[in-house]
C-alpha atoms as a PDB file:
ATOM      1  CA  MET A   1     123.032-157.459  34.271  1.00  0.00           C
ATOM      2  CA  SER A   2     122.861-156.205  37.855  1.00  0.00           C
ATOM      3  CA  ASN A   3     123.930-152.754  38.976  1.00  0.00           C
ATOM      4  CA  HIS A   4     126.923-153.981  40.948  1.00  0.00           C
ATOM      5  CA  LYS A   5     130.313-152.476  40.175  1.00  0.00           C
ATOM      6  CA  ILE A   6     132.523-154.359  37.770  1.00  0.00           C
ATOM      7  CA  ASN A   7     136.015-155.244  38.943  1.00  0.00           C
ATOM      8  CA  LEU A   8     137.908-154.281  35.816  1.00  0.00           C
ATOM      9  CA  ALA A   9     141.312-155.509  36.959  1.00  0.00           C
ATOM     10  CA  ALA A  10     139.972-158.920  38.011  1.00  0.00           C
ATOM     11  CA  THR A  11     138.023-159.372  34.787  1.00  0.00           C
ATOM     12  CA  TRP A  12     140.965-158.353  32.603  1.00  0.00           C
ATOM     13  CA  SER A  13     143.194-160.728  34.593  1.00  0.00           C
ATOM     14  CA  GLU A  14     140.725-163.537  33.928  1.00  0.00           C
ATOM     15  CA  ILE A  15     140.728-162.740  30.211  1.00  0.00           C
ATOM     16  CA  ARG A  16     144.544-162.555  30.067  1.00  0.00           C
ATOM     17  CA  GLN A  17     144.792-166.169  31.195  1.00  0.00           C
ATOM     18  CA  LYS A  18     143.493-167.119  27.744  1.00  0.00           C
ATOM     19  CA  VAL A  19     146.047-165.049  25.825  1.00  0.00           C
ATOM     20  CA  PRO A  20     148.680-167.817  25.349  1.00  0.00           C
ATOM     21  CA  LEU A  21     145.984-169.953  23.715  1.00  0.00           C
ATOM     22  CA  SER A  22     144.605-167.256  21.442  1.00  0.00           C
ATOM     23  CA  LYS A  23     147.425-165.025  20.214  1.00  0.00           C
ATOM     24  CA  SER A  24     145.955-165.002  16.719  1.00  0.00           C
ATOM     25  CA  SER A  25     142.704-163.386  17.896  1.00  0.00           C
ATOM     26  CA  ALA A  26     142.236-159.635  17.493  1.00  0.00           C
ATOM     27  CA  PHE A  27     140.605-159.433  20.928  1.00  0.00           C
ATOM     28  CA  LEU A  28     139.730-161.730  23.811  1.00  0.00           C
ATOM     29  CA  GLN A  29     136.563-160.657  25.533  1.00  0.00           C
ATOM     30  CA  LYS A  30     133.996-161.211  28.229  1.00  0.00           C
ATOM     31  CA  ALA A  31     130.499-159.865  27.634  1.00  0.00           C
ATOM     32  CA  LEU A  32     129.094-157.481  30.231  1.00  0.00           C
ATOM     33  CA  ILE A  33     125.688-156.765  28.725  1.00  0.00           C
ATOM     34  CA  VAL A  34     123.916-157.962  25.580  1.00  0.00           C
ATOM     35  CA  LYS A  35     120.733-156.673  23.968  1.00  0.00           C
ATOM     36  CA  GLY A  36     119.816-158.208  20.638  1.00  0.00           C
ATOM     37  CA  LYS A  37     122.897-157.973  18.441  1.00  0.00           C
ATOM     38  CA  LEU A  38     124.370-155.111  20.456  1.00  0.00           C
ATOM     39  CA  CYS A  39     126.947-156.038  23.073  1.00  0.00           C
ATOM     40  CA  ILE A  40     129.445-154.395  25.432  1.00  0.00           C
ATOM     41  CA  SER A  41     132.426-156.478  26.553  1.00  0.00           C
ATOM     42  CA  LEU A  42     135.646-156.086  28.447  1.00  0.00           C
ATOM     43  CA  ILE A  43     138.584-157.063  26.241  1.00  0.00           C
ATOM     44  CA  VAL A  44     142.299-157.722  26.128  1.00  0.00           C
ATOM     45  CA  ARG A  45     144.266-157.348  22.892  1.00  0.00           C
ATOM     46  CA  PRO A  46     146.649-160.356  22.709  1.00  0.00           C
ATOM     47  CA  SER A  47     149.142-158.599  20.430  1.00  0.00           C
ATOM     48  CA  ASP A  48     150.216-156.143  23.138  1.00  0.00           C
ATOM     49  CA  GLY A  49     148.170-157.080  26.222  1.00  0.00           C
ATOM     50  CA  LEU A  50     146.271-153.791  26.308  1.00  0.00           C
ATOM     51  CA  PRO A  51     142.971-154.015  28.211  1.00  0.00           C
ATOM     52  CA  GLY A  52     139.851-152.186  27.212  1.00  0.00           C
ATOM     53  CA  LEU A  53     136.221-152.162  26.231  1.00  0.00           C
ATOM     54  CA  LEU A  54     134.505-153.328  23.051  1.00  0.00           C
ATOM     55  CA  VAL A  55     131.180-152.029  21.748  1.00  0.00           C
ATOM     56  CA  LEU A  56     129.645-154.362  19.152  1.00  0.00           C
ATOM     57  CA  VAL A  57     126.884-152.795  17.039  1.00  0.00           C
ATOM     58  CA  PRO A  58     124.855-154.216  14.135  1.00  0.00           C
ATOM     59  CA  GLU A  59     125.981-153.094  10.688  1.00  0.00           C
ATOM     60  CA  LYS A  60     122.534-151.698   9.871  1.00  0.00           C
ATOM     61  CA  ILE A  61     122.742-149.006  12.568  1.00  0.00           C
ATOM     62  CA  PHE A  62     126.487-148.300  12.422  1.00  0.00           C
ATOM     63  CA  LYS A  63     127.411-144.847  11.109  1.00  0.00           C
ATOM     64  CA  PRO A  64     130.809-144.642   9.358  1.00  0.00           C
ATOM     65  CA  ASP A  65     131.902-141.556  11.303  1.00  0.00           C
ATOM     66  CA  TRP A  66     133.781-143.411  14.053  1.00  0.00           C
ATOM     67  CA  ARG A  67     137.394-142.250  13.821  1.00  0.00           C
ATOM     68  CA  LYS A  68     140.449-143.444  15.655  1.00  0.00           C
ATOM     69  CA  ALA A  69     141.389-140.981  18.386  1.00  0.00           C
ATOM     70  CA  GLU A  70     144.308-141.282  20.787  1.00  0.00           C
ATOM     71  CA  PHE A  71     144.440-139.344  24.028  1.00  0.00           C
ATOM     72  CA  TYR A  72     146.678-139.314  27.116  1.00  0.00           C
ATOM     73  CA  GLY A  73     145.634-142.653  28.555  1.00  0.00           C
ATOM     74  CA  VAL A  74     142.898-143.977  26.279  1.00  0.00           C
ATOM     75  CA  VAL A  75     142.650-144.950  22.591  1.00  0.00           C
ATOM     76  CA  PHE A  76     139.353-145.015  20.697  1.00  0.00           C
ATOM     77  CA  ASP A  77     140.617-147.466  18.089  1.00  0.00           C
ATOM     78  CA  SER A  78     139.524-147.960  14.482  1.00  0.00           C
ATOM     79  CA  PRO A  79     136.261-149.875  13.903  1.00  0.00           C
ATOM     80  CA  GLN A  80     136.569-153.477  12.786  1.00  0.00           C
ATOM     81  CA  LYS A  81     134.069-155.387  10.658  1.00  0.00           C
ATOM     82  CA  VAL A  82     132.924-158.606  12.344  1.00  0.00           C
ATOM     83  CA  ASP A  83     130.400-160.610  10.279  1.00  0.00           C
ATOM     84  CA  ASN A  84     127.274-158.395  10.140  1.00  0.00           C
ATOM     85  CA  SER A  85     128.440-156.076  12.919  1.00  0.00           C
ATOM     86  CA  TYR A  86     131.111-153.508  13.712  1.00  0.00           C
ATOM     87  CA  ALA A  87     133.421-153.770  16.722  1.00  0.00           C
ATOM     88  CA  LEU A  88     134.415-150.436  18.280  1.00  0.00           C
ATOM     89  CA  PRO A  89     137.417-150.901  20.605  1.00  0.00           C
ATOM     90  CA  ILE A  90     138.297-148.473  23.406  1.00  0.00           C
ATOM     91  CA  LEU A  91     141.683-149.342  24.901  1.00  0.00           C
ATOM     92  CA  LEU A  92     143.240-148.324  28.215  1.00  0.00           C
ATOM     93  CA  LYS A  93     146.888-147.313  27.674  1.00  0.00           C
ATOM     94  CA  ASP A  94     147.654-145.874  31.100  1.00  0.00           C
ATOM     95  CA  GLU A  95     146.662-147.742  34.265  1.00  0.00           C
ATOM     96  CA  LYS A  96     146.471-144.384  36.081  1.00  0.00           C
ATOM     97  CA  ALA A  97     143.264-143.778  34.123  1.00  0.00           C
ATOM     98  CA  GLU A  98     141.643-147.029  35.278  1.00  0.00           C
ATOM     99  CA  LYS A  99     139.318-145.387  37.808  1.00  0.00           C
ATOM    100  CA  ILE A 100     138.003-143.000  35.171  1.00  0.00           C
ATOM    101  CA  PHE A 101     137.809-145.837  32.634  1.00  0.00           C
ATOM    102  CA  GLU A 102     135.556-147.693  35.072  1.00  0.00           C
ATOM    103  CA  SER A 103     133.150-144.734  34.975  1.00  0.00           C
ATOM    104  CA  LEU A 104     133.253-144.874  31.177  1.00  0.00           C
ATOM    105  CA  VAL A 105     132.370-148.586  31.197  1.00  0.00           C
ATOM    106  CA  HIS A 106     129.359-148.097  33.471  1.00  0.00           C
ATOM    107  CA  ASP A 107     128.241-145.009  31.551  1.00  0.00           C
ATOM    108  CA  LEU A 108     128.101-146.920  28.249  1.00  0.00           C
ATOM    109  CA  ILE A 109     126.440-149.917  29.873  1.00  0.00           C
ATOM    110  CA  SER A 110     123.683-147.573  31.102  1.00  0.00           C
ATOM    111  CA  CYS A 111     122.767-146.832  27.452  1.00  0.00           C
ATOM    112  CA  VAL A 112     122.183-150.512  26.724  1.00  0.00           C
ATOM    113  CA  ALA A 113     120.230-150.995  29.946  1.00  0.00           C
ATOM    114  CA  GLN A 114     118.082-147.896  29.419  1.00  0.00           C
ATOM    115  CA  TYR A 115     116.666-148.617  25.954  1.00  0.00           C
ATOM    116  CA  GLU A 116     115.252-151.583  24.049  1.00  0.00           C
ATOM    117  CA  ASP A 117     115.494-150.168  20.526  1.00  0.00           C
ATOM    118  CA  GLU A 118     118.963-150.708  19.015  1.00  0.00           C
ATOM    119  CA  SER A 119     118.941-147.371  17.169  1.00  0.00           C
ATOM    120  CA  LYS A 120     118.186-145.483  20.388  1.00  0.00           C
ATOM    121  CA  ILE A 121     120.928-147.401  22.195  1.00  0.00           C
ATOM    122  CA  PHE A 122     123.481-146.533  19.521  1.00  0.00           C
ATOM    123  CA  LYS A 123     122.421-142.856  19.535  1.00  0.00           C
ATOM    124  CA  CYS A 124     122.893-142.792  23.313  1.00  0.00           C
ATOM    125  CA  LEU A 125     126.302-144.492  22.986  1.00  0.00           C
ATOM    126  CA  LYS A 126     127.477-142.003  20.360  1.00  0.00           C
ATOM    127  CA  GLU A 127     126.444-139.018  22.482  1.00  0.00           C
ATOM    128  CA  LYS A 128     128.173-140.365  25.580  1.00  0.00           C
ATOM    129  CA  ILE A 129     131.326-141.385  23.696  1.00  0.00           C
ATOM    130  CA  SER A 130     131.500-137.898  22.177  1.00  0.00           C
ATOM    131  CA  LEU A 131     131.503-136.373  25.670  1.00  0.00           C
ATOM    132  CA  TRP A 132     134.117-138.857  26.869  1.00  0.00           C
ATOM    133  CA  LYS A 133     136.383-137.956  23.947  1.00  0.00           C
ATOM    134  CA  ARG A 134     136.132-134.295  24.886  1.00  0.00           C
ATOM    135  CA  PHE A 135     137.004-135.212  28.460  1.00  0.00           C
ATOM    136  CA  PHE A 136     140.040-137.334  27.515  1.00  0.00           C
ATOM    137  CA  GLN A 137     141.426-134.560  25.318  1.00  0.00           C
ATOM    138  CA  LYS A 138     142.493-132.781  28.499  1.00  0.00           C
ATOM    139  CA  ARG A 139     142.800-135.291  31.323  1.00  0.00           C
ATOM    140  CA  THR A 140     142.761-138.887  32.518  1.00  0.00           C
ATOM    141  CA  ALA A 141     141.880-138.250  36.162  1.00  0.00           C
ATOM    142  CA  LYS A 142     139.211-136.511  38.188  1.00  0.00           C
ATOM    143  CA  LEU A 143     139.415-132.863  39.134  1.00  0.00           C
ATOM    144  CA  ASP A 144     141.493-132.138  42.222  1.00  0.00           C
ATOM    145  CA  GLU A 145     139.970-130.305  45.179  1.00  0.00           C
ATOM    146  CA  ASP A 146     140.887-126.798  44.010  1.00  0.00           C
ATOM    147  CA  GLN A 147     139.603-127.516  40.493  1.00  0.00           C
ATOM    148  CA  THR A 148     136.381-128.933  41.944  1.00  0.00           C
ATOM    149  CA  LYS A 149     135.830-125.795  44.010  1.00  0.00           C
ATOM    150  CA  GLY A 150     136.602-123.668  40.967  1.00  0.00           C
ATOM    151  CA  LEU A 151     134.010-125.469  38.833  1.00  0.00           C
ATOM    152  CA  PHE A 152     131.535-125.303  41.729  1.00  0.00           C
ATOM    153  CA  GLY A 153     132.010-121.514  41.767  1.00  0.00           C
ATOM    154  CA  GLU A 154     131.647-121.152  37.996  1.00  0.00           C
ATOM    155  CA  ILE A 155     128.389-123.116  37.972  1.00  0.00           C
ATOM    156  CA  TYR A 156     127.133-120.913  40.815  1.00  0.00           C
ATOM    157  CA  VAL A 157     127.800-117.785  38.719  1.00  0.00           C
ATOM    158  CA  LEU A 158     126.364-119.469  35.613  1.00  0.00           C
ATOM    159  CA  ASN A 159     123.084-119.948  37.490  1.00  0.00           C
ATOM    160  CA  GLN A 160     123.094-116.305  38.577  1.00  0.00           C
ATOM    161  CA  ILE A 161     123.515-115.102  34.985  1.00  0.00           C
ATOM    162  CA  ALA A 162     120.828-117.518  33.773  1.00  0.00           C
ATOM    163  CA  LYS A 163     118.396-116.167  36.365  1.00  0.00           C
ATOM    164  CA  THR A 164     118.849-112.543  35.302  1.00  0.00           C
ATOM    165  CA  SER A 165     119.625-112.846  31.581  1.00  0.00           C
ATOM    166  CA  GLY A 166     118.321-116.249  30.469  1.00  0.00           C
ATOM    167  CA  ASN A 167     119.782-119.706  29.984  1.00  0.00           C
ATOM    168  CA  ASP A 168     121.054-119.252  26.433  1.00  0.00           C
ATOM    169  CA  TYR A 169     122.846-116.017  27.298  1.00  0.00           C
ATOM    170  CA  ALA A 170     124.443-117.607  30.355  1.00  0.00           C
ATOM    171  CA  LEU A 171     125.652-120.720  28.518  1.00  0.00           C
ATOM    172  CA  ASN A 172     127.033-118.722  25.583  1.00  0.00           C
ATOM    173  CA  SER A 173     128.891-116.405  27.945  1.00  0.00           C
ATOM    174  CA  TRP A 174     130.580-119.250  29.867  1.00  0.00           C
ATOM    175  CA  LYS A 175     134.108-119.448  28.475  1.00  0.00           C
ATOM    176  CA  GLY A 176     136.020-120.969  31.390  1.00  0.00           C
ATOM    177  CA  PRO A 177     135.864-124.604  30.197  1.00  0.00           C
ATOM    178  CA  ILE A 178     137.034-123.820  26.644  1.00  0.00           C
ATOM    179  CA  PRO A 179     139.359-122.424  28.133  1.00  0.00           C
ATOM    180  CA  GLU A 180     139.688-118.719  27.544  1.00  0.00           C
ATOM    181  CA  THR A 181     141.349-116.087  29.706  1.00  0.00           C
ATOM    182  CA  TYR A 182     138.126-115.141  31.512  1.00  0.00           C
ATOM    183  CA  ASP A 183     135.409-117.415  32.839  1.00  0.00           C
ATOM    184  CA  PHE A 184     132.523-115.317  31.526  1.00  0.00           C
ATOM    185  CA  GLN A 185     132.439-112.912  28.603  1.00  0.00           C
ATOM    186  CA  LEU A 186     129.246-110.857  28.757  1.00  0.00           C
ATOM    187  CA  ALA A 187     128.029-108.109  26.460  1.00  0.00           C
ATOM    188  CA  LYS A 188     129.528-105.171  28.377  1.00  0.00           C
ATOM    189  CA  TYR A 189     131.989-106.706  30.830  1.00  0.00           C
ATOM    190  CA  ARG A 190     133.928-109.804  31.830  1.00  0.00           C
ATOM    191  CA  VAL A 191     133.802-111.904  34.970  1.00  0.00           C
ATOM    192  CA  GLU A 192     136.596-114.031  36.391  1.00  0.00           C
ATOM    193  CA  VAL A 193     135.556-116.442  39.166  1.00  0.00           C
ATOM    194  CA  LYS A 194     137.915-117.092  42.061  1.00  0.00           C
ATOM    195  CA  THR A 195     137.237-119.314  45.051  1.00  0.00           C
ATOM    196  CA  TRP A 196     138.864-119.579  48.435  1.00  0.00           C
ATOM    197  CA  SER A 197     138.228-121.717  51.506  1.00  0.00           C
ATOM    198  CA  ASN A 198     137.606-120.765  55.102  1.00  0.00           C
ATOM    199  CA  THR A 199     140.508-123.071  55.993  1.00  0.00           C
ATOM    200  CA  SER A 200     142.943-120.819  54.124  1.00  0.00           C
ATOM    201  CA  GLN A 201     143.987-117.199  54.209  1.00  0.00           C
ATOM    202  CA  PRO A 202     141.587-114.745  52.501  1.00  0.00           C
ATOM    203  CA  GLN A 203     143.488-114.691  49.232  1.00  0.00           C
ATOM    204  CA  ILE A 204     143.079-115.645  45.597  1.00  0.00           C
ATOM    205  CA  TYR A 205     145.629-117.027  43.149  1.00  0.00           C
ATOM    206  CA  ILE A 206     146.432-115.605  39.731  1.00  0.00           C
ATOM    207  CA  SER A 207     148.147-118.034  37.369  1.00  0.00           C
ATOM    208  CA  ASP A 208     147.818-116.130  34.087  1.00  0.00           C
ATOM    209  CA  ILE A 209     149.433-112.729  33.817  1.00  0.00           C
ATOM    210  CA  ASN A 210     146.804-111.693  31.248  1.00  0.00           C
ATOM    211  CA  GLN A 211     143.985-112.379  33.680  1.00  0.00           C
ATOM    212  CA  ILE A 212     144.021-109.135  35.671  1.00  0.00           C
ATOM    213  CA  ILE A 213     143.755-106.127  33.377  1.00  0.00           C
ATOM    214  CA  TYR A 214     142.347-102.634  33.585  1.00  0.00           C
ATOM    215  CA  ASP A 215     139.897-101.921  30.764  1.00  0.00           C
ATOM    216  CA  THR A 216     137.393 -99.066  30.755  1.00  0.00           C
ATOM    217  CA  ILE A 217     135.550-100.324  27.647  1.00  0.00           C
ATOM    218  CA  ASN A 218     135.144-103.970  28.657  1.00  0.00           C
ATOM    219  CA  PRO A 219     135.751-103.902  32.427  1.00  0.00           C
ATOM    220  CA  LEU A 220     136.757-106.917  34.450  1.00  0.00           C
ATOM    221  CA  TYR A 221     134.966-107.998  37.620  1.00  0.00           C
ATOM    222  CA  LEU A 222     136.333-110.618  39.982  1.00  0.00           C
ATOM    223  CA  SER A 223     133.623-112.788  41.504  1.00  0.00           C
ATOM    224  CA  VAL A 224     135.327-114.018  44.672  1.00  0.00           C
ATOM    225  CA  ILE A 225     133.450-116.852  46.334  1.00  0.00           C
ATOM    226  CA  GLN A 226     134.231-118.258  49.753  1.00  0.00           C
ATOM    227  CA  ILE A 227     133.452-121.980  49.821  1.00  0.00           C
ATOM    228  CA  SER A 228     133.245-124.163  52.893  1.00  0.00           C
ATOM    229  CA  LYS A 229     133.069-127.928  53.299  1.00  0.00           C
ATOM    230  CA  ASP A 230     129.622-128.712  54.701  1.00  0.00           C
ATOM    231  CA  LEU A 231     128.660-132.315  55.418  1.00  0.00           C
ATOM    232  CA  ASN A 232     125.206-131.392  56.713  1.00  0.00           C
ATOM    233  CA  ASP A 233     123.665-128.760  54.448  1.00  0.00           C
ATOM    234  CA  GLY A 234     126.146-128.664  51.592  1.00  0.00           C
ATOM    235  CA  LYS A 235     125.851-129.985  48.051  1.00  0.00           C
ATOM    236  CA  ASN A 236     128.362-132.022  46.112  1.00  0.00           C
ATOM    237  CA  LEU A 237     129.331-131.243  42.542  1.00  0.00           C
ATOM    238  CA  GLY A 238     126.951-133.856  41.117  1.00  0.00           C
ATOM    239  CA  GLU A 239     123.984-132.364  42.978  1.00  0.00           C
ATOM    240  CA  ILE A 240     124.775-128.851  41.740  1.00  0.00           C
ATOM    241  CA  VAL A 241     125.098-130.137  38.172  1.00  0.00           C
ATOM    242  CA  ASP A 242     121.797-132.045  38.405  1.00  0.00           C
ATOM    243  CA  LYS A 243     119.985-128.989  39.765  1.00  0.00           C
ATOM    244  CA  THR A 244     121.360-126.845  36.952  1.00  0.00           C
ATOM    245  CA  LEU A 245     120.459-129.424  34.302  1.00  0.00           C
ATOM    246  CA  SER A 246     116.855-129.407  35.510  1.00  0.00           C
ATOM    247  CA  LEU A 247     116.559-125.747  34.451  1.00  0.00           C
ATOM    248  CA  PHE A 248     117.557-126.339  30.835  1.00  0.00           C
ATOM    249  CA  THR A 249     115.858-127.480  27.655  1.00  0.00           C
ATOM    250  CA  ASN A 250     117.296-130.519  25.854  1.00  0.00           C
ATOM    251  CA  SER A 251     119.493-128.445  23.527  1.00  0.00           C
ATOM    252  CA  GLN A 252     120.695-126.330  26.458  1.00  0.00           C
ATOM    253  CA  LYS A 253     121.477-129.506  28.393  1.00  0.00           C
ATOM    254  CA  ASP A 254     123.615-130.752  25.495  1.00  0.00           C
ATOM    255  CA  LEU A 255     125.641-127.541  25.484  1.00  0.00           C
ATOM    256  CA  PHE A 256     125.991-127.555  29.277  1.00  0.00           C
ATOM    257  CA  LEU A 257     127.182-131.184  29.295  1.00  0.00           C
ATOM    258  CA  SER A 258     129.700-130.425  26.540  1.00  0.00           C
ATOM    259  CA  LEU A 259     131.080-127.486  28.513  1.00  0.00           C
ATOM    260  CA  LEU A 260     131.283-129.637  31.639  1.00  0.00           C
ATOM    261  CA  SER A 261     133.278-132.292  29.776  1.00  0.00           C
ATOM    262  CA  ASP A 262     135.647-129.562  28.576  1.00  0.00           C
ATOM    263  CA  ALA A 263     135.982-128.452  32.196  1.00  0.00           C
ATOM    264  CA  GLY A 264     136.891-132.009  33.235  1.00  0.00           C
ATOM    265  CA  TYR A 265     133.626-133.313  34.657  1.00  0.00           C
ATOM    266  CA  LEU A 266     131.144-135.871  33.338  1.00  0.00           C
ATOM    267  CA  VAL A 267     127.837-136.816  34.935  1.00  0.00           C
ATOM    268  CA  ALA A 268     128.952-140.450  34.910  1.00  0.00           C
ATOM    269  CA  GLN A 269     131.724-139.511  37.361  1.00  0.00           C
ATOM    270  CA  ARG A 270     129.430-138.095  40.025  1.00  0.00           C
ATOM    271  CA  GLU A 271     130.332-140.818  42.539  1.00  0.00           C
ATOM    272  CA  LEU A 272     133.941-139.600  42.465  1.00  0.00           C
ATOM    273  CA  TYR A 273     132.840-136.239  43.886  1.00  0.00           C
ATOM    274  CA  ALA A 274     131.283-136.947  47.270  1.00  0.00           C
ATOM    275  CA  GLU A 275     132.660-133.879  49.086  1.00  0.00           C
ATOM    276  CA  LYS A 276     129.906-131.393  49.945  1.00  0.00           C
ATOM    277  CA  TYR A 277     130.326-127.623  49.889  1.00  0.00           C
ATOM    278  CA  SER A 278     128.346-124.521  50.757  1.00  0.00           C
ATOM    279  CA  ILE A 279     128.744-120.969  49.524  1.00  0.00           C
ATOM    280  CA  VAL A 280     129.677-118.803  52.522  1.00  0.00           C
ATOM    281  CA  LYS A 281     129.682-115.481  50.692  1.00  0.00           C
ATOM    282  CA  GLN A 282     130.312-113.882  47.315  1.00  0.00           C
ATOM    283  CA  ASP A 283     132.009-110.548  46.717  1.00  0.00           C
ATOM    284  CA  PHE A 284     132.657-108.624  43.511  1.00  0.00           C
ATOM    285  CA  TYR A 285     135.740-106.521  42.852  1.00  0.00           C
ATOM    286  CA  LEU A 286     136.035-104.143  39.906  1.00  0.00           C
ATOM    287  CA  VAL A 287     139.575-104.080  38.555  1.00  0.00           C
ATOM    288  CA  GLY A 288     140.598-100.430  38.534  1.00  0.00           C
ATOM    289  CA  LYS A 289     143.683 -98.655  37.239  1.00  0.00           C
ATOM    290  CA  GLU A 290     145.602 -99.111  40.488  1.00  0.00           C
ATOM    291  CA  PHE A 291     144.355-102.626  41.225  1.00  0.00           C
ATOM    292  CA  PRO A 292     147.316-104.706  42.484  1.00  0.00           C
ATOM    293  CA  ARG A 293     148.648-106.922  39.721  1.00  0.00           C
ATOM    294  CA  ILE A 294     151.799-107.977  37.915  1.00  0.00           C
ATOM    295  CA  GLU A 295     152.167-106.764  34.342  1.00  0.00           C
ATOM    296  CA  TYR A 296     154.385-107.921  31.486  1.00  0.00           C
ATOM    297  CA  ASN A 297     156.677-104.895  31.628  1.00  0.00           C
ATOM    298  CA  GLN A 298     157.553-105.838  35.216  1.00  0.00           C
ATOM    299  CA  ILE A 299     158.801-109.304  34.291  1.00  0.00           C
ATOM    300  CA  SER A 300     162.168-110.371  32.941  1.00  0.00           C
ATOM    301  CA  PRO A 301     161.979-112.052  29.512  1.00  0.00           C
ATOM    302  CA  CYS A 302     163.845-114.960  31.126  1.00  0.00           C
ATOM    303  CA  ILE A 303     160.730-115.808  33.182  1.00  0.00           C
ATOM    304  CA  SER A 304     158.369-118.073  31.235  1.00  0.00           C
ATOM    305  CA  SER A 305     155.525-118.444  33.749  1.00  0.00           C
ATOM    306  CA  ILE A 306     154.370-116.853  36.967  1.00  0.00           C
ATOM    307  CA  LYS A 307     151.795-117.375  39.704  1.00  0.00           C
ATOM    308  CA  TYR A 308     150.951-114.985  42.523  1.00  0.00           C
ATOM    309  CA  CYS A 309     148.268-114.404  45.138  1.00  0.00           C
ATOM    310  CA  ILE A 310     146.290-111.334  46.115  1.00  0.00           C
ATOM    311  CA  ASN A 311     145.318-110.725  49.732  1.00  0.00           C
ATOM    312  CA  LEU A 312     141.615-109.884  49.817  1.00  0.00           C
ATOM    313  CA  ASN A 313     142.059-107.587  52.817  1.00  0.00           C
ATOM    314  CA  GLY A 314     144.228-105.370  50.616  1.00  0.00           C
ATOM    315  CA  ILE A 315     141.647-104.776  47.873  1.00  0.00           C
ATOM    316  CA  LEU A 316     138.610-103.775  49.919  1.00  0.00           C
ATOM    317  CA  GLU A 317     138.462-100.387  48.157  1.00  0.00           C
ATOM    318  CA  TYR A 318     137.577-102.209  44.918  1.00  0.00           C
ATOM    319  CA  LEU A 319     134.491-103.919  46.353  1.00  0.00           C
ATOM    320  CA  VAL A 320     131.346-103.204  44.296  1.00  0.00           C
ATOM    321  CA  GLU A 321     127.778-104.392  43.956  1.00  0.00           C
ATOM    322  CA  SER A 322     127.123-107.442  41.807  1.00  0.00           C
ATOM    323  CA  PRO A 323     126.980-106.504  38.101  1.00  0.00           C
ATOM    324  CA  LEU A 324     125.023-109.674  37.277  1.00  0.00           C
END
């Protein structure tokens, strides 16, 4: 199979034309790539018209740990025995997720194209599908611009911690994707990463009232990063991820990729993130007793959520050296 992009909608439309003739079939399909007895096809389920993807694997390499899992826009359906193989259907329930589903299709096809040995192909497929399941637990679309900048900033800080304290320490301290209240939980302090653009006012947004606290035992630092769009010398999210991956061992890469999928990014989606950014500057603020913030005792119990912004020009007295 060539590397050209597959037109999912056109292929599914072509398959649907056969539905009136084959309503008794579990799936109608069109093969995309075949290697030995292993095959990946686009499918339509005649019973309800749902489109999707089918992975056909030989019985001898199939592991009975594939479980049905239903997410916002995608269903990883139950395996079905077909002669001496197992069919693993992945169905698209929400057309809004089609662009992301296209990335999933090409990502799984890359496993079949990369290896000749069926066992290695299936291992690759299982690893990629596991990451995709983690991704679909939280979203069916790509990160928006603010989320992309936020992840860009967190990876920047992750690299700083790795440089001074080691890769394992950095990865284990990264809590943002899980998510927890603070982006990084280190041995003696916490770090919350905030980004802002040179096209906006110098301010940061606080969306969790528990995020800004004063704590003398486990102090909180704000790593405030100014990010600028930079078509010439900037890097896109995929390039930053690739550079970071190159620093890790295989086991560290696995953990990093898992955290990225929790954060809403998969390597297979890199083409969706073409915008390039540069770090203009990074400042650290130590949250002190009088640091401006909203606390629970200031809020009416009738208010269920709150979001506010802090003007950076008003917290200059809290500027400190980097604790990293």
